[in-house]
Protein backbone atom coordinates (compact mmCIF):
# COMPACT_ATOMS: atom_id res chain seq x y z
CA MET A 1 28.98 146.24 -31.74
CA THR A 2 30.01 144.83 -28.40
CA SER A 3 30.93 147.13 -25.56
CA SER A 4 34.60 147.65 -24.79
CA SER A 5 34.25 145.69 -21.52
CA VAL A 6 33.19 142.42 -23.17
CA ARG A 7 35.94 139.83 -23.61
CA LEU A 8 35.54 136.66 -25.61
CA THR A 9 36.03 133.35 -23.81
CA VAL A 10 35.63 129.74 -24.91
CA ARG A 11 32.82 129.35 -22.36
CA ASN A 12 30.70 132.26 -23.62
CA HIS A 13 29.18 131.81 -27.07
CA ASP A 14 26.39 134.35 -26.58
CA ARG A 15 24.92 135.07 -30.03
CA ASP A 16 24.00 138.61 -28.88
CA LEU A 17 27.51 139.79 -27.98
CA ALA A 18 27.85 141.86 -31.16
CA GLY A 19 24.28 143.16 -31.09
CA MET A 20 23.41 141.82 -34.53
CA THR A 21 20.79 139.43 -35.85
CA TYR A 22 22.95 137.14 -37.95
CA VAL A 23 26.61 137.77 -37.12
CA TYR A 24 28.33 136.97 -33.84
CA PRO A 25 31.96 136.39 -32.75
CA VAL A 26 33.12 133.49 -30.58
CA LEU A 27 36.43 132.27 -29.26
CA SER A 28 36.43 128.73 -30.62
CA ARG A 29 38.27 125.86 -28.91
CA ARG A 30 38.23 123.74 -32.03
CA ALA A 31 39.07 126.52 -34.50
CA GLY A 32 41.82 127.83 -32.20
CA GLY A 33 40.97 131.53 -32.32
CA VAL A 34 38.19 133.96 -33.24
CA SER A 35 35.40 132.47 -35.29
CA VAL A 36 33.02 134.82 -37.06
CA GLY A 37 29.70 133.06 -36.69
CA VAL A 38 26.81 133.44 -39.10
CA ASN A 39 23.56 132.40 -37.41
CA LEU A 40 20.88 131.44 -39.93
CA ASN A 41 18.56 130.29 -37.12
CA PRO A 42 17.86 133.42 -35.03
CA ASN A 43 14.48 131.83 -34.25
CA ASN A 44 16.26 129.13 -32.17
CA ALA A 45 14.74 126.44 -34.42
CA CYS A 46 16.44 123.16 -35.26
CA ASN A 47 15.31 119.86 -36.73
CA TRP A 48 17.34 118.07 -34.01
CA HIS A 49 17.27 118.30 -30.21
CA CYS A 50 20.76 117.43 -28.93
CA VAL A 51 20.82 116.90 -25.19
CA TYR A 52 24.05 118.90 -24.78
CA CYS A 53 22.90 121.89 -26.86
CA GLN A 54 23.64 125.31 -25.34
CA VAL A 55 20.87 127.13 -27.23
CA PRO A 56 18.19 128.40 -24.80
CA ASN A 57 14.53 128.09 -25.72
CA LEU A 58 15.33 125.64 -28.51
CA VAL A 59 12.32 124.68 -30.63
CA ARG A 60 11.74 122.20 -33.42
CA GLY A 61 11.67 123.73 -36.87
CA ALA A 62 13.66 125.28 -39.69
CA ALA A 63 15.44 128.56 -40.28
CA PRO A 64 13.22 131.55 -41.08
CA LYS A 65 13.46 133.54 -44.30
CA ILE A 66 16.89 135.16 -44.34
CA ASP A 67 17.17 138.89 -45.02
CA LEU A 68 20.20 138.70 -47.29
CA ALA A 69 20.66 142.48 -47.44
CA GLN A 70 20.76 142.72 -43.65
CA LEU A 71 23.11 139.76 -43.40
CA GLU A 72 25.47 141.33 -45.93
CA ALA A 73 25.45 144.68 -44.14
CA GLU A 74 26.16 143.06 -40.77
CA LEU A 75 28.95 140.82 -42.03
CA ASP A 76 30.54 143.55 -44.15
CA GLY A 77 30.58 145.95 -41.22
CA PHE A 78 31.92 143.41 -38.77
CA LEU A 79 34.69 142.22 -41.09
CA THR A 80 35.66 145.88 -41.58
CA ALA A 81 35.95 146.27 -37.79
CA LEU A 82 38.10 143.15 -37.58
CA VAL A 83 40.39 143.87 -40.51
CA GLU A 84 40.69 147.66 -40.36
CA GLY A 85 39.82 148.46 -36.73
CA ASP A 86 40.95 147.43 -33.25
CA TRP A 87 38.08 145.07 -32.44
CA LEU A 88 40.34 142.05 -31.94
CA ALA A 89 42.71 143.94 -29.63
CA ARG A 90 39.80 145.15 -27.50
CA HIS A 91 37.80 141.94 -27.27
CA ALA A 92 40.02 138.90 -27.89
CA PRO A 93 42.68 137.61 -25.46
CA ALA A 94 46.35 137.72 -26.37
CA GLY A 95 47.17 134.65 -28.42
CA GLY A 96 43.61 134.43 -29.74
CA ARG A 97 43.51 137.46 -32.02
CA GLU A 98 43.53 135.67 -35.33
CA ILE A 99 40.43 135.24 -37.49
CA ARG A 100 40.31 131.48 -37.80
CA ASP A 101 37.16 131.03 -39.84
CA ILE A 102 33.76 132.30 -40.89
CA ALA A 103 31.36 129.65 -39.64
CA LEU A 104 27.83 128.90 -40.75
CA SER A 105 26.57 127.73 -37.40
CA GLY A 106 24.34 129.30 -34.79
CA ASN A 107 21.10 128.35 -33.08
CA GLY A 108 19.91 125.53 -35.33
CA GLU A 109 20.64 123.62 -38.52
CA PRO A 110 21.95 126.20 -41.04
CA THR A 111 21.23 124.13 -44.15
CA SER A 112 17.50 124.32 -43.30
CA ALA A 113 17.58 127.91 -44.62
CA ALA A 114 16.14 128.12 -48.13
CA GLU A 115 18.78 130.76 -48.91
CA PHE A 116 21.71 128.55 -47.87
CA PRO A 117 23.44 128.50 -51.32
CA ASP A 118 22.97 132.28 -51.63
CA VAL A 119 24.53 132.79 -48.21
CA VAL A 120 27.58 130.77 -49.26
CA GLU A 121 28.06 133.08 -52.26
CA LEU A 122 27.49 136.19 -50.13
CA ILE A 123 30.12 135.16 -47.59
CA HIS A 124 32.62 134.29 -50.31
CA ARG A 125 32.12 137.67 -51.95
CA LEU A 126 32.86 139.45 -48.67
CA ARG A 127 35.88 137.23 -47.97
CA VAL A 128 37.36 138.39 -51.26
CA LYS A 129 36.43 142.04 -50.61
CA HIS A 130 38.24 142.06 -47.26
CA GLY A 131 41.26 140.05 -48.39
CA LEU A 132 40.24 137.03 -46.32
CA GLU A 133 40.33 134.40 -49.05
CA ARG A 134 42.63 132.28 -46.89
CA VAL A 135 40.21 132.35 -43.97
CA PRO A 136 38.11 129.21 -44.46
CA LEU A 137 34.34 129.17 -44.66
CA ARG A 138 33.14 126.35 -42.41
CA LEU A 139 29.72 124.79 -42.30
CA ILE A 140 28.78 123.19 -38.97
CA THR A 141 25.91 120.84 -39.73
CA ASN A 142 24.11 117.74 -38.58
CA GLY A 143 24.15 116.61 -42.20
CA SER A 144 20.56 115.44 -42.14
CA LEU A 145 19.45 117.51 -45.15
CA LEU A 146 22.04 116.28 -47.68
CA GLY A 147 19.19 114.72 -49.63
CA ARG A 148 18.07 118.20 -50.75
CA PRO A 149 19.58 119.41 -54.06
CA ARG A 150 20.05 123.00 -52.84
CA VAL A 151 21.96 121.79 -49.79
CA ARG A 152 24.27 119.66 -51.94
CA ALA A 153 24.71 122.61 -54.32
CA GLY A 154 25.73 124.92 -51.47
CA ILE A 155 28.18 122.38 -50.06
CA ALA A 156 29.64 121.71 -53.51
CA ARG A 157 30.21 125.45 -53.93
CA MET A 158 31.99 125.51 -50.58
CA GLY A 159 34.28 122.79 -51.88
CA GLU A 160 35.10 124.96 -54.90
CA ILE A 161 36.05 128.00 -52.81
CA GLY A 162 38.22 126.23 -50.26
CA GLY A 163 35.64 125.70 -47.55
CA GLU A 164 35.10 122.72 -45.31
CA VAL A 165 32.30 120.97 -43.47
CA TRP A 166 32.15 119.89 -39.84
CA PHE A 167 29.60 117.07 -39.96
CA LYS A 168 28.04 115.97 -36.67
CA VAL A 169 28.15 112.27 -35.83
CA ASP A 170 27.69 111.50 -32.15
CA ALA A 171 26.63 107.86 -32.32
CA GLY A 172 26.29 104.84 -34.57
CA ARG A 173 23.12 103.11 -33.39
CA GLY A 174 19.57 104.29 -33.88
CA GLU A 175 18.76 104.19 -30.18
CA ASP A 176 21.84 106.25 -29.30
CA ILE A 177 21.09 108.81 -32.01
CA ALA A 178 17.54 109.12 -30.67
CA ARG A 179 18.80 109.56 -27.10
CA ILE A 180 21.58 112.04 -27.89
CA ASN A 181 20.27 113.97 -30.90
CA GLY A 182 16.53 113.60 -30.37
CA VAL A 183 15.74 112.22 -33.82
CA LYS A 184 14.76 108.93 -35.37
CA LEU A 185 17.38 108.58 -38.08
CA PRO A 186 18.40 105.38 -39.88
CA VAL A 187 22.12 104.75 -39.47
CA GLU A 188 22.32 103.95 -43.19
CA ARG A 189 21.23 107.51 -43.96
CA VAL A 190 23.95 108.93 -41.72
CA VAL A 191 26.52 106.83 -43.59
CA ARG A 192 25.16 107.84 -46.98
CA ASN A 193 24.96 111.56 -46.14
CA LEU A 194 28.45 111.63 -44.63
CA ALA A 195 29.94 109.93 -47.70
CA ALA A 196 28.07 112.30 -50.02
CA CYS A 197 29.22 115.35 -48.08
CA ALA A 198 32.86 114.23 -48.14
CA ALA A 199 32.64 113.79 -51.91
CA LEU A 200 31.48 117.40 -52.32
CA CYS A 201 33.70 119.28 -49.87
CA PRO A 202 36.53 118.51 -47.42
CA THR A 203 34.74 117.09 -44.39
CA TRP A 204 35.61 116.61 -40.73
CA VAL A 205 33.43 114.57 -38.43
CA GLN A 206 32.45 116.52 -35.32
CA THR A 207 31.70 114.33 -32.30
CA CYS A 208 30.62 115.22 -28.77
CA MET A 209 31.28 112.59 -26.11
CA PHE A 210 30.03 112.95 -22.53
CA ARG A 211 28.74 111.07 -19.53
CA TRP A 212 25.03 110.22 -19.49
CA ASP A 213 23.68 109.59 -16.01
CA GLY A 214 27.30 109.34 -14.89
CA GLN A 215 28.30 106.72 -17.46
CA GLY A 216 30.56 107.28 -20.44
CA PRO A 217 30.09 105.54 -23.80
CA ASP A 218 30.67 101.79 -23.48
CA ALA A 219 32.47 99.45 -25.91
CA GLU A 220 29.33 98.70 -27.93
CA VAL A 221 28.48 102.38 -28.36
CA LEU A 222 32.02 103.17 -29.47
CA ALA A 223 32.17 100.20 -31.86
CA ALA A 224 28.93 101.27 -33.57
CA TYR A 225 30.21 104.83 -33.90
CA LEU A 226 33.49 103.67 -35.46
CA ASP A 227 31.54 101.44 -37.84
CA VAL A 228 29.72 104.49 -39.23
CA LEU A 229 33.02 106.20 -39.99
CA GLU A 230 34.40 103.10 -41.67
CA ARG A 231 31.29 102.54 -43.77
CA ALA A 232 31.30 106.17 -44.91
CA GLY A 233 34.94 105.70 -45.93
CA THR A 234 37.70 106.86 -43.62
CA ALA A 235 39.91 107.68 -46.61
CA ARG A 236 37.35 110.30 -47.68
CA LEU A 237 37.36 112.07 -44.31
CA ARG A 238 39.79 114.73 -43.10
CA GLY A 239 39.54 113.46 -39.55
CA VAL A 240 37.52 113.74 -36.35
CA LEU A 241 37.02 116.76 -34.10
CA LEU A 242 36.36 115.08 -30.75
CA TYR A 243 35.12 117.33 -27.98
CA GLY A 244 33.45 117.32 -24.61
CA VAL A 245 30.89 119.54 -22.90
CA ALA A 246 32.73 122.71 -21.90
CA ARG A 247 29.56 124.75 -21.43
CA PRO A 248 26.35 123.68 -19.67
CA SER A 249 23.45 122.32 -21.68
CA MET A 250 20.37 124.53 -21.84
CA GLN A 251 18.04 121.59 -22.48
CA SER A 252 15.79 119.74 -20.03
CA GLU A 253 18.19 116.78 -20.15
CA ALA A 254 21.04 118.89 -18.74
CA PRO A 255 21.11 117.14 -15.30
CA ARG A 256 21.86 113.85 -17.08
CA VAL A 257 24.81 115.27 -19.07
CA SER A 258 28.27 115.70 -17.53
CA GLN A 259 31.83 116.14 -18.71
CA LEU A 260 33.92 113.16 -19.72
CA PRO A 261 37.41 113.22 -18.14
CA LEU A 262 40.28 114.01 -20.47
CA ASP A 263 41.84 110.56 -20.16
CA GLU A 264 38.60 108.95 -21.33
CA LEU A 265 38.32 111.34 -24.27
CA GLU A 266 41.91 110.57 -25.21
CA ALA A 267 41.23 106.83 -25.04
CA ILE A 268 38.35 107.30 -27.48
CA ALA A 269 40.66 109.36 -29.69
CA GLU A 270 43.17 106.51 -29.77
CA ALA A 271 40.47 104.10 -30.91
CA ILE A 272 39.57 106.49 -33.72
CA LYS A 273 43.21 106.89 -34.72
CA GLU A 274 43.49 103.13 -35.04
CA LYS A 275 41.06 103.43 -37.95
CA GLY A 276 43.56 105.66 -39.74
CA LEU A 277 41.95 108.99 -38.95
CA THR A 278 43.46 112.23 -37.66
CA VAL A 279 41.86 113.29 -34.36
CA THR A 280 41.90 116.54 -32.43
CA VAL A 281 40.65 116.56 -28.83
CA SER A 282 38.96 119.51 -27.14
CA PRO A 283 37.89 118.64 -23.55
């Protein structure tokens, strides 16, 4: 476990703080408290390459084989420390000592793990064991693998147990997706996957907005992004989690990425709200 001197902050999401392979705690801006992270990509492999990503030594690829027994032991022990011990008092700041979620996130795309549906069941079993049924299980995903039956099965199961998905959409044009997320992805597939995800489990869109070479997103970029949300069906979506870059990128594009001022983020939020969506803003 972490040493007694380590304090969680929103700017430090070090996956090694707890000294475990799969489980790590963070103080989440968007969740509003302590998030128990489950990292299914300890190999730092992702099928995307987002320019603002804070993962060091990021490589292209998928999650490795998951040791389910080790994952269960780590998560069971850590939840015991949170629920029965004084871990939160020692490591979390006053006002942030509530377990807000258990999040399938980490150093890559979690749904690339072959064991993804099994991990969902494992986490749910431990939630029940520790009396944390009301603590949501959240999947933070780029949504690109919704075409795989096992991914849809895992997300559908999350819907059954009160979970939710945070589905990444940063842009609405192919050239912007390629620039920001490092992938060639047809916009129609983004729309289709987002709609499918929302039909299986309560889904929030998670969007990072920032300045690129000193320039924020222009009217055309924003219009294309809003079009994706509308085509996927705004009535199906819970809302949008709009956020900026609070921590420095660890990618080679980092010098080109800078924070968008709060007033510009809020202006984008107003444009999203005009489409009938709830929006939360995290600078």
